[in-house]
């Protein structure tokens, strides 16, 4: 899991929607990285926006996963995740 998270992080940082989605799951589940709902929410949010508009299945899955993670977060944590997503730039 740690090796997968490393590769997902690199591809997600370049704007890869599928990698963003998988990295978000890594953070949500604590697989290969520390569990971190703020990071999971941020990456799910970015993935939902990064999948092509025609890819409704993956866009919807990312948005639903983001909303599920949000149910475990405080309002302050959600605001922080949203701020991080707004400020994110591809590397």
PDB file of N, CA and C in Angstrom:
ATOM      1  N   UNK A   1       0.817  -1.199   0.000  1.00  0.00           N
ATOM      2  CA  UNK A   1       0.000   0.000   0.000  1.00  0.00           C
ATOM      3  C   UNK A   1       0.861   1.263   0.000  1.00  0.00           C
ATOM      4  N   UNK A   2       1.961   1.237   0.735  1.00  0.00           N
ATOM      5  CA  UNK A   2       2.816   2.424   0.796  1.00  0.00           C
ATOM      6  C   UNK A   2       3.387   2.752  -0.578  1.00  0.00           C
ATOM      7  N   UNK A   3       3.807   1.735  -1.310  1.00  0.00           N
ATOM      8  CA  UNK A   3       4.358   1.958  -2.648  1.00  0.00           C
ATOM      9  C   UNK A   3       3.279   2.498  -3.587  1.00  0.00           C
ATOM     10  N   UNK A   4       2.080   1.938  -3.497  1.00  0.00           N
ATOM     11  CA  UNK A   4       0.974   2.418  -4.337  1.00  0.00           C
ATOM     12  C   UNK A   4       0.665   3.875  -4.009  1.00  0.00           C
ATOM     13  N   UNK A   5       0.597   4.217  -2.727  1.00  0.00           N
ATOM     14  CA  UNK A   5       0.293   5.593  -2.322  1.00  0.00           C
ATOM     15  C   UNK A   5       1.353   6.553  -2.859  1.00  0.00           C
ATOM     16  N   UNK A   6       2.601   6.114  -2.870  1.00  0.00           N
ATOM     17  CA  UNK A   6       3.686   6.949  -3.400  1.00  0.00           C
ATOM     18  C   UNK A   6       3.449   7.258  -4.879  1.00  0.00           C
ATOM     19  N   UNK A   7       3.110   6.245  -5.650  1.00  0.00           N
ATOM     20  CA  UNK A   7       2.870   6.438  -7.083  1.00  0.00           C
ATOM     21  C   UNK A   7       1.602   7.249  -7.332  1.00  0.00           C
ATOM     22  N   UNK A   8       0.562   6.981  -6.551  1.00  0.00           N
ATOM     23  CA  UNK A   8      -0.672   7.764  -6.679  1.00  0.00           C
ATOM     24  C   UNK A   8      -0.394   9.227  -6.393  1.00  0.00           C
ATOM     25  N   UNK A   9       0.407   9.492  -5.344  1.00  0.00           N
ATOM     26  CA  UNK A   9       0.718  10.868  -4.966  1.00  0.00           C
ATOM     27  C   UNK A   9       1.403  11.601  -6.116  1.00  0.00           C
ATOM     28  N   UNK A  10       2.357  10.936  -6.757  1.00  0.00           N
ATOM     29  CA  UNK A  10       3.061  11.560  -7.875  1.00  0.00           C
ATOM     30  C   UNK A  10       2.144  11.866  -9.043  1.00  0.00           C
ATOM     31  N   UNK A  11       1.324  10.891  -9.420  1.00  0.00           N
ATOM     32  CA  UNK A  11       0.414  11.096 -10.557  1.00  0.00           C
ATOM     33  C   UNK A  11      -0.706  12.077 -10.199  1.00  0.00           C
ATOM     34  N   UNK A  12      -1.184  12.019  -8.958  1.00  0.00           N
ATOM     35  CA  UNK A  12      -2.234  12.942  -8.518  1.00  0.00           C
ATOM     36  C   UNK A  12      -1.711  14.376  -8.540  1.00  0.00           C
ATOM     37  N   UNK A  13      -0.462  14.545  -8.141  1.00  0.00           N
ATOM     38  CA  UNK A  13       0.143  15.867  -8.136  1.00  0.00           C
ATOM     39  C   UNK A  13       0.264  16.474  -9.517  1.00  0.00           C
ATOM     40  N   UNK A  14       0.239  15.629 -10.541  1.00  0.00           N
ATOM     41  CA  UNK A  14       0.290  16.102 -11.918  1.00  0.00           C
ATOM     42  C   UNK A  14      -1.102  16.292 -12.511  1.00  0.00           C
ATOM     43  N   UNK A  15      -2.136  16.019 -11.717  1.00  0.00           N
ATOM     44  CA  UNK A  15      -3.503  16.256 -12.166  1.00  0.00           C
ATOM     45  C   UNK A  15      -4.244  15.030 -12.658  1.00  0.00           C
ATOM     46  N   UNK A  16      -3.683  13.840 -12.478  1.00  0.00           N
ATOM     47  CA  UNK A  16      -4.352  12.618 -12.916  1.00  0.00           C
ATOM     48  C   UNK A  16      -5.580  12.310 -12.078  1.00  0.00           C
ATOM     49  N   UNK A  17      -6.747  12.360 -12.688  1.00  0.00           N
ATOM     50  CA  UNK A  17      -8.003  12.178 -11.949  1.00  0.00           C
ATOM     51  C   UNK A  17      -8.077  10.813 -11.266  1.00  0.00           C
ATOM     52  N   UNK A  18      -7.718   9.748 -11.978  1.00  0.00           N
ATOM     53  CA  UNK A  18      -7.802   8.413 -11.388  1.00  0.00           C
ATOM     54  C   UNK A  18      -6.836   8.278 -10.212  1.00  0.00           C
ATOM     55  N   UNK A  19      -5.645   8.844 -10.341  1.00  0.00           N
ATOM     56  CA  UNK A  19      -4.678   8.813  -9.248  1.00  0.00           C
ATOM     57  C   UNK A  19      -5.175   9.638  -8.064  1.00  0.00           C
ATOM     58  N   UNK A  20      -5.804  10.781  -8.335  1.00  0.00           N
ATOM     59  CA  UNK A  20      -6.369  11.589  -7.255  1.00  0.00           C
ATOM     60  C   UNK A  20      -7.420  10.804  -6.499  1.00  0.00           C
ATOM     61  N   UNK A  21      -8.248  10.087  -7.247  1.00  0.00           N
ATOM     62  CA  UNK A  21      -9.312   9.281  -6.649  1.00  0.00           C
ATOM     63  C   UNK A  21      -8.723   8.162  -5.785  1.00  0.00           C
ATOM     64  N   UNK A  22      -7.733   7.486  -6.308  1.00  0.00           N
ATOM     65  CA  UNK A  22      -7.126   6.372  -5.563  1.00  0.00           C
ATOM     66  C   UNK A  22      -6.332   6.876  -4.359  1.00  0.00           C
ATOM     67  N   UNK A  23      -5.659   8.006  -4.497  1.00  0.00           N
ATOM     68  CA  UNK A  23      -4.941   8.585  -3.360  1.00  0.00           C
ATOM     69  C   UNK A  23      -5.924   8.981  -2.265  1.00  0.00           C
ATOM     70  N   UNK A  24      -7.049   9.546  -2.661  1.00  0.00           N
ATOM     71  CA  UNK A  24      -8.080   9.903  -1.681  1.00  0.00           C
ATOM     72  C   UNK A  24      -8.523   8.675  -0.897  1.00  0.00           C
ATOM     73  N   UNK A  25      -8.718   7.561  -1.591  1.00  0.00           N
ATOM     74  CA  UNK A  25      -9.089   6.317  -0.899  1.00  0.00           C
ATOM     75  C   UNK A  25      -7.979   5.878   0.057  1.00  0.00           C
ATOM     76  N   UNK A  26      -6.734   6.045  -0.343  1.00  0.00           N
ATOM     77  CA  UNK A  26      -5.620   5.687   0.539  1.00  0.00           C
ATOM     78  C   UNK A  26      -5.690   6.485   1.834  1.00  0.00           C
ATOM     79  N   UNK A  27      -5.943   7.797   1.714  1.00  0.00           N
ATOM     80  CA  UNK A  27      -6.072   8.628   2.912  1.00  0.00           C
ATOM     81  C   UNK A  27      -7.319   8.266   3.716  1.00  0.00           C
ATOM     82  N   UNK A  28      -8.412   8.001   3.049  1.00  0.00           N
ATOM     83  CA  UNK A  28      -9.659   7.681   3.752  1.00  0.00           C
ATOM     84  C   UNK A  28      -9.538   6.380   4.540  1.00  0.00           C
ATOM     85  N   UNK A  29      -8.820   5.418   3.991  1.00  0.00           N
ATOM     86  CA  UNK A  29      -8.700   4.097   4.615  1.00  0.00           C
ATOM     87  C   UNK A  29      -7.433   3.934   5.446  1.00  0.00           C
ATOM     88  N   UNK A  30      -6.505   4.869   5.323  1.00  0.00           N
ATOM     89  CA  UNK A  30      -5.233   4.729   6.017  1.00  0.00           C
ATOM     90  C   UNK A  30      -4.401   3.599   5.442  1.00  0.00           C
ATOM     91  N   UNK A  31      -4.481   3.414   4.132  1.00  0.00           N
ATOM     92  CA  UNK A  31      -3.727   2.356   3.465  1.00  0.00           C
ATOM     93  C   UNK A  31      -2.514   2.951   2.763  1.00  0.00           C
ATOM     94  N   UNK A  32      -1.341   2.667   3.294  1.00  0.00           N
ATOM     95  CA  UNK A  32      -0.106   3.188   2.717  1.00  0.00           C
ATOM     96  C   UNK A  32       0.243   4.572   3.198  1.00  0.00           C
ATOM     97  N   UNK A  33      -0.609   5.143   4.002  1.00  0.00           N
ATOM     98  CA  UNK A  33      -0.420   6.474   4.553  1.00  0.00           C
ATOM     99  C   UNK A  33      -1.263   6.571   5.823  1.00  0.00           C
ATOM    100  N   UNK A  34      -1.019   7.581   6.600  1.00  0.00           N
ATOM    101  CA  UNK A  34      -1.871   7.802   7.772  1.00  0.00           C
ATOM    102  C   UNK A  34      -3.274   8.170   7.315  1.00  0.00           C
ATOM    103  N   UNK A  35      -4.272   7.672   8.008  1.00  0.00           N
ATOM    104  CA  UNK A  35      -5.644   8.081   7.705  1.00  0.00           C
ATOM    105  C   UNK A  35      -5.753   9.586   7.935  1.00  0.00           C
ATOM    106  N   UNK A  36      -6.355  10.274   6.984  1.00  0.00           N
ATOM    107  CA  UNK A  36      -6.446  11.731   7.046  1.00  0.00           C
ATOM    108  C   UNK A  36      -7.678  12.157   6.244  1.00  0.00           C
ATOM    109  N   UNK A  37      -8.765  12.442   6.955  1.00  0.00           N
ATOM    110  CA  UNK A  37     -10.010  12.795   6.273  1.00  0.00           C
ATOM    111  C   UNK A  37      -9.924  14.114   5.526  1.00  0.00           C
ATOM    112  N   UNK A  38      -9.145  15.061   6.020  1.00  0.00           N
ATOM    113  CA  UNK A  38      -9.002  16.345   5.327  1.00  0.00           C
ATOM    114  C   UNK A  38      -8.348  16.118   3.965  1.00  0.00           C
ATOM    115  N   UNK A  39      -7.265  15.350   3.944  1.00  0.00           N
ATOM    116  CA  UNK A  39      -6.598  15.051   2.672  1.00  0.00           C
ATOM    117  C   UNK A  39      -7.493  14.212   1.769  1.00  0.00           C
ATOM    118  N   UNK A  40      -8.195  13.248   2.347  1.00  0.00           N
ATOM    119  CA  UNK A  40      -9.100  12.413   1.545  1.00  0.00           C
ATOM    120  C   UNK A  40     -10.163  13.284   0.883  1.00  0.00           C
ATOM    121  N   UNK A  41     -10.776  14.163   1.640  1.00  0.00           N
ATOM    122  CA  UNK A  41     -11.815  15.051   1.107  1.00  0.00           C
ATOM    123  C   UNK A  41     -11.253  15.911  -0.009  1.00  0.00           C
ATOM    124  N   UNK A  42     -10.079  16.501   0.233  1.00  0.00           N
ATOM    125  CA  UNK A  42      -9.462  17.360  -0.775  1.00  0.00           C
ATOM    126  C   UNK A  42      -9.241  16.602  -2.078  1.00  0.00           C
ATOM    127  N   UNK A  43      -8.650  15.396  -2.003  1.00  0.00           N
ATOM    128  CA  UNK A  43      -8.355  14.630  -3.219  1.00  0.00           C
ATOM    129  C   UNK A  43      -9.616  14.111  -3.886  1.00  0.00           C
ATOM    130  N   UNK A  44     -10.625  13.716  -3.115  1.00  0.00           N
ATOM    131  CA  UNK A  44     -11.894  13.318  -3.741  1.00  0.00           C
ATOM    132  C   UNK A  44     -12.502  14.505  -4.468  1.00  0.00           C
ATOM    133  N   UNK A  45     -12.435  15.678  -3.852  1.00  0.00           N
ATOM    134  CA  UNK A  45     -12.979  16.887  -4.460  1.00  0.00           C
ATOM    135  C   UNK A  45     -12.259  17.202  -5.778  1.00  0.00           C
ATOM    136  N   UNK A  46     -10.933  17.122  -5.749  1.00  0.00           N
ATOM    137  CA  UNK A  46     -10.162  17.378  -6.968  1.00  0.00           C
ATOM    138  C   UNK A  46     -10.461  16.327  -8.036  1.00  0.00           C
ATOM    139  N   UNK A  47     -10.576  15.074  -7.642  1.00  0.00           N
ATOM    140  CA  UNK A  47     -10.881  14.008  -8.604  1.00  0.00           C
ATOM    141  C   UNK A  47     -12.240  14.247  -9.251  1.00  0.00           C
ATOM    142  N   UNK A  48     -13.225  14.613  -8.448  1.00  0.00           N
ATOM    143  CA  UNK A  48     -14.567  14.863  -8.991  1.00  0.00           C
ATOM    144  C   UNK A  48     -14.528  15.964 -10.044  1.00  0.00           C
ATOM    145  N   UNK A  49     -13.681  16.950  -9.830  1.00  0.00           N
ATOM    146  CA  UNK A  49     -13.557  18.048 -10.795  1.00  0.00           C
ATOM    147  C   UNK A  49     -12.657  17.697 -11.974  1.00  0.00           C
ATOM    148  N   UNK A  50     -11.736  16.746 -11.789  1.00  0.00           N
ATOM    149  CA  UNK A  50     -10.751  16.421 -12.821  1.00  0.00           C
ATOM    150  C   UNK A  50     -11.236  15.387 -13.837  1.00  0.00           C
ATOM    151  N   UNK A  51     -12.143  14.507 -13.428  1.00  0.00           N
ATOM    152  CA  UNK A  51     -12.653  13.538 -14.397  1.00  0.00           C
ATOM    153  C   UNK A  51     -13.395  14.304 -15.496  1.00  0.00           C
ATOM    154  N   UNK A  52     -13.285  13.860 -16.734  1.00  0.00           N
ATOM    155  CA  UNK A  52     -14.007  14.545 -17.812  1.00  0.00           C
ATOM    156  C   UNK A  52     -15.514  14.574 -17.555  1.00  0.00           C
ATOM    157  N   UNK A  53     -16.172  15.610 -18.012  1.00  0.00           N
ATOM    158  CA  UNK A  53     -17.614  15.760 -17.791  1.00  0.00           C
ATOM    159  C   UNK A  53     -18.390  14.550 -18.309  1.00  0.00           C
ATOM    160  N   UNK A  54     -17.912  13.937 -19.365  1.00  0.00           N
ATOM    161  CA  UNK A  54     -18.596  12.774 -19.935  1.00  0.00           C
ATOM    162  C   UNK A  54     -18.444  11.527 -19.067  1.00  0.00           C
ATOM    163  N   UNK A  55     -17.488  11.529 -18.157  1.00  0.00           N
ATOM    164  CA  UNK A  55     -17.245  10.377 -17.277  1.00  0.00           C
ATOM    165  C   UNK A  55     -18.074  10.516 -16.001  1.00  0.00           C
ATOM    166  N   UNK A  56     -19.377  10.462 -16.179  1.00  0.00           N
ATOM    167  CA  UNK A  56     -20.276  10.692 -15.045  1.00  0.00           C
ATOM    168  C   UNK A  56     -20.132   9.629 -13.959  1.00  0.00           C
ATOM    169  N   UNK A  57     -19.801   8.409 -14.335  1.00  0.00           N
ATOM    170  CA  UNK A  57     -19.664   7.345 -13.339  1.00  0.00           C
ATOM    171  C   UNK A  57     -18.556   7.677 -12.340  1.00  0.00           C
ATOM    172  N   UNK A  58     -17.371   8.017 -12.831  1.00  0.00           N
ATOM    173  CA  UNK A  58     -16.258   8.317 -11.935  1.00  0.00           C
ATOM    174  C   UNK A  58     -16.437   9.645 -11.216  1.00  0.00           C
ATOM    175  N   UNK A  59     -17.001  10.639 -11.906  1.00  0.00           N
ATOM    176  CA  UNK A  59     -17.258  11.927 -11.244  1.00  0.00           C
ATOM    177  C   UNK A  59     -18.223  11.737 -10.078  1.00  0.00           C
ATOM    178  N   UNK A  60     -19.264  10.945 -10.307  1.00  0.00           N
ATOM    179  CA  UNK A  60     -20.255  10.693  -9.264  1.00  0.00           C
ATOM    180  C   UNK A  60     -19.657   9.896  -8.116  1.00  0.00           C
ATOM    181  N   UNK A  61     -18.842   8.888  -8.439  1.00  0.00           N
ATOM    182  CA  UNK A  61     -18.203   8.078  -7.395  1.00  0.00           C
ATOM    183  C   UNK A  61     -17.298   8.937  -6.518  1.00  0.00           C
ATOM    184  N   UNK A  62     -16.532   9.823  -7.136  1.00  0.00           N
ATOM    185  CA  UNK A  62     -15.641  10.699  -6.371  1.00  0.00           C
ATOM    186  C   UNK A  62     -16.443  11.648  -5.481  1.00  0.00           C
ATOM    187  N   UNK A  63     -17.505  12.215  -6.023  1.00  0.00           N
ATOM    188  CA  UNK A  63     -18.335  13.138  -5.234  1.00  0.00           C
ATOM    189  C   UNK A  63     -19.016  12.411  -4.080  1.00  0.00           C
ATOM    190  N   UNK A  64     -19.508  11.220  -4.320  1.00  0.00           N
ATOM    191  CA  UNK A  64     -20.150  10.447  -3.240  1.00  0.00           C
ATOM    192  C   UNK A  64     -19.146  10.074  -2.163  1.00  0.00           C
ATOM    193  N   UNK A  65     -17.953   9.673  -2.576  1.00  0.00           N
ATOM    194  CA  UNK A  65     -16.913   9.332  -1.606  1.00  0.00           C
ATOM    195  C   UNK A  65     -16.528  10.559  -0.786  1.00  0.00           C
ATOM    196  N   UNK A  66     -16.415  11.700  -1.450  1.00  0.00           N
ATOM    197  CA  UNK A  66     -16.124  12.955  -0.737  1.00  0.00           C
ATOM    198  C   UNK A  66     -17.201  13.235   0.302  1.00  0.00           C
ATOM    199  N   UNK A  67     -18.454  13.061  -0.082  1.00  0.00           N
ATOM    200  CA  UNK A  67     -19.554  13.330   0.836  1.00  0.00           C
ATOM    201  C   UNK A  67     -19.575  12.345   2.003  1.00  0.00           C
ATOM    202  N   UNK A  68     -19.185  11.099   1.746  1.00  0.00           N
ATOM    203  CA  UNK A  68     -19.111  10.106   2.820  1.00  0.00           C
ATOM    204  C   UNK A  68     -18.039  10.506   3.830  1.00  0.00           C
ATOM    205  N   UNK A  69     -16.879  10.914   3.336  1.00  0.00           N
ATOM    206  CA  UNK A  69     -15.803  11.358   4.223  1.00  0.00           C
ATOM    207  C   UNK A  69     -16.239  12.597   4.993  1.00  0.00           C
ATOM    208  N   UNK A  70     -16.943  13.500   4.331  1.00  0.00           N
ATOM    209  CA  UNK A  70     -17.408  14.728   4.991  1.00  0.00           C
ATOM    210  C   UNK A  70     -18.288  14.420   6.191  1.00  0.00           C
ATOM    211  N   UNK A  71     -19.023  13.313   6.135  1.00  0.00           N
ATOM    212  CA  UNK A  71     -19.875  12.912   7.256  1.00  0.00           C
ATOM    213  C   UNK A  71     -19.097  12.570   8.507  1.00  0.00           C
ATOM    214  N   UNK A  72     -17.793  12.386   8.390  1.00  0.00           N
ATOM    215  CA  UNK A  72     -16.930  12.050   9.529  1.00  0.00           C
ATOM    216  C   UNK A  72     -16.105  13.246   9.992  1.00  0.00           C
ATOM    217  N   UNK A  73     -16.361  14.411   9.386  1.00  0.00           N
ATOM    218  CA  UNK A  73     -15.527  15.583   9.626  1.00  0.00           C
ATOM    219  C   UNK A  73     -16.309  16.710  10.299  1.00  0.00           C
ATOM    220  N   UNK A  74     -15.573  17.577  10.974  1.00  0.00           N
ATOM    221  CA  UNK A  74     -16.169  18.791  11.533  1.00  0.00           C
ATOM    222  C   UNK A  74     -16.292  19.832  10.426  1.00  0.00           C
ATOM    223  N   UNK A  75     -17.069  20.870  10.687  1.00  0.00           N
ATOM    224  CA  UNK A  75     -17.217  21.955   9.719  1.00  0.00           C
ATOM    225  C   UNK A  75     -15.869  22.612   9.437  1.00  0.00           C
ATOM    226  N   UNK A  76     -15.028  22.735  10.461  1.00  0.00           N
ATOM    227  CA  UNK A  76     -13.711  23.338  10.291  1.00  0.00           C
ATOM    228  C   UNK A  76     -12.823  22.477   9.394  1.00  0.00           C
ATOM    229  N   UNK A  77     -12.894  21.163   9.566  1.00  0.00           N
ATOM    230  CA  UNK A  77     -12.097  20.268   8.731  1.00  0.00           C
ATOM    231  C   UNK A  77     -12.559  20.323   7.272  1.00  0.00           C
ATOM    232  N   UNK A  78     -13.851  20.379   7.054  1.00  0.00           N
ATOM    233  CA  UNK A  78     -14.376  20.479   5.689  1.00  0.00           C
ATOM    234  C   UNK A  78     -13.917  21.786   5.046  1.00  0.00           C
ATOM    235  N   UNK A  79     -13.992  22.867   5.804  1.00  0.00           N
ATOM    236  CA  UNK A  79     -13.539  24.165   5.279  1.00  0.00           C
ATOM    237  C   UNK A  79     -12.055  24.117   4.923  1.00  0.00           C
ATOM    238  N   UNK A  80     -11.253  23.463   5.741  1.00  0.00           N
ATOM    239  CA  UNK A  80      -9.815  23.334   5.458  1.00  0.00           C
ATOM    240  C   UNK A  80      -9.583  22.505   4.195  1.00  0.00           C
ATOM    241  N   UNK A  81     -10.302  21.402   4.044  1.00  0.00           N
ATOM    242  CA  UNK A  81     -10.171  20.559   2.851  1.00  0.00           C
ATOM    243  C   UNK A  81     -10.574  21.330   1.599  1.00  0.00           C
ATOM    244  N   UNK A  82     -11.629  22.103   1.690  1.00  0.00           N
ATOM    245  CA  UNK A  82     -12.074  22.902   0.552  1.00  0.00           C
ATOM    246  C   UNK A  82     -11.065  23.981   0.203  1.00  0.00           C
ATOM    247  N   UNK A  83     -10.475  24.592   1.215  1.00  0.00           N
ATOM    248  CA  UNK A  83      -9.444  25.611   0.976  1.00  0.00           C
ATOM    249  C   UNK A  83      -8.238  24.989   0.279  1.00  0.00           C
ATOM    250  N   UNK A  84      -7.808  23.821   0.761  1.00  0.00           N
ATOM    251  CA  UNK A  84      -6.667  23.140   0.152  1.00  0.00           C
ATOM    252  C   UNK A  84      -6.952  22.779  -1.305  1.00  0.00           C
ATOM    253  N   UNK A  85      -8.166  22.333  -1.581  1.00  0.00           N
ATOM    254  CA  UNK A  85      -8.539  21.988  -2.961  1.00  0.00           C
ATOM    255  C   UNK A  85      -8.534  23.234  -3.847  1.00  0.00           C
ATOM    256  N   UNK A  86      -9.034  24.343  -3.336  1.00  0.00           N
ATOM    257  CA  UNK A  86      -9.047  25.589  -4.124  1.00  0.00           C
ATOM    258  C   UNK A  86      -7.634  26.070  -4.432  1.00  0.00           C
ATOM    259  N   UNK A  87      -6.718  25.901  -3.483  1.00  0.00           N
ATOM    260  CA  UNK A  87      -5.361  26.408  -3.627  1.00  0.00           C
ATOM    261  C   UNK A  87      -4.440  25.437  -4.355  1.00  0.00           C
ATOM    262  N   UNK A  88      -4.872  24.209  -4.560  1.00  0.00           N
ATOM    263  CA  UNK A  88      -4.031  23.191  -5.193  1.00  0.00           C
ATOM    264  C   UNK A  88      -3.696  23.564  -6.632  1.00  0.00           C
ATOM    265  N   UNK A  89      -2.460  23.292  -7.005  1.00  0.00           N
ATOM    266  CA  UNK A  89      -2.014  23.501  -8.386  1.00  0.00           C
ATOM    267  C   UNK A  89      -1.213  22.278  -8.809  1.00  0.00           C
ATOM    268  N   UNK A  90      -1.369  21.838 -10.061  1.00  0.00           N
ATOM    269  CA  UNK A  90      -0.583  20.689 -10.541  1.00  0.00           C
ATOM    270  C   UNK A  90       0.914  20.994 -10.458  1.00  0.00           C
ATOM    271  N   UNK A  91       1.678  19.960 -10.213  1.00  0.00           N
ATOM    272  CA  UNK A  91       3.137  20.135 -10.099  1.00  0.00           C
ATOM    273  C   UNK A  91       3.813  19.846 -11.408  1.00  0.00           C
TER     274      UNK A  91
END
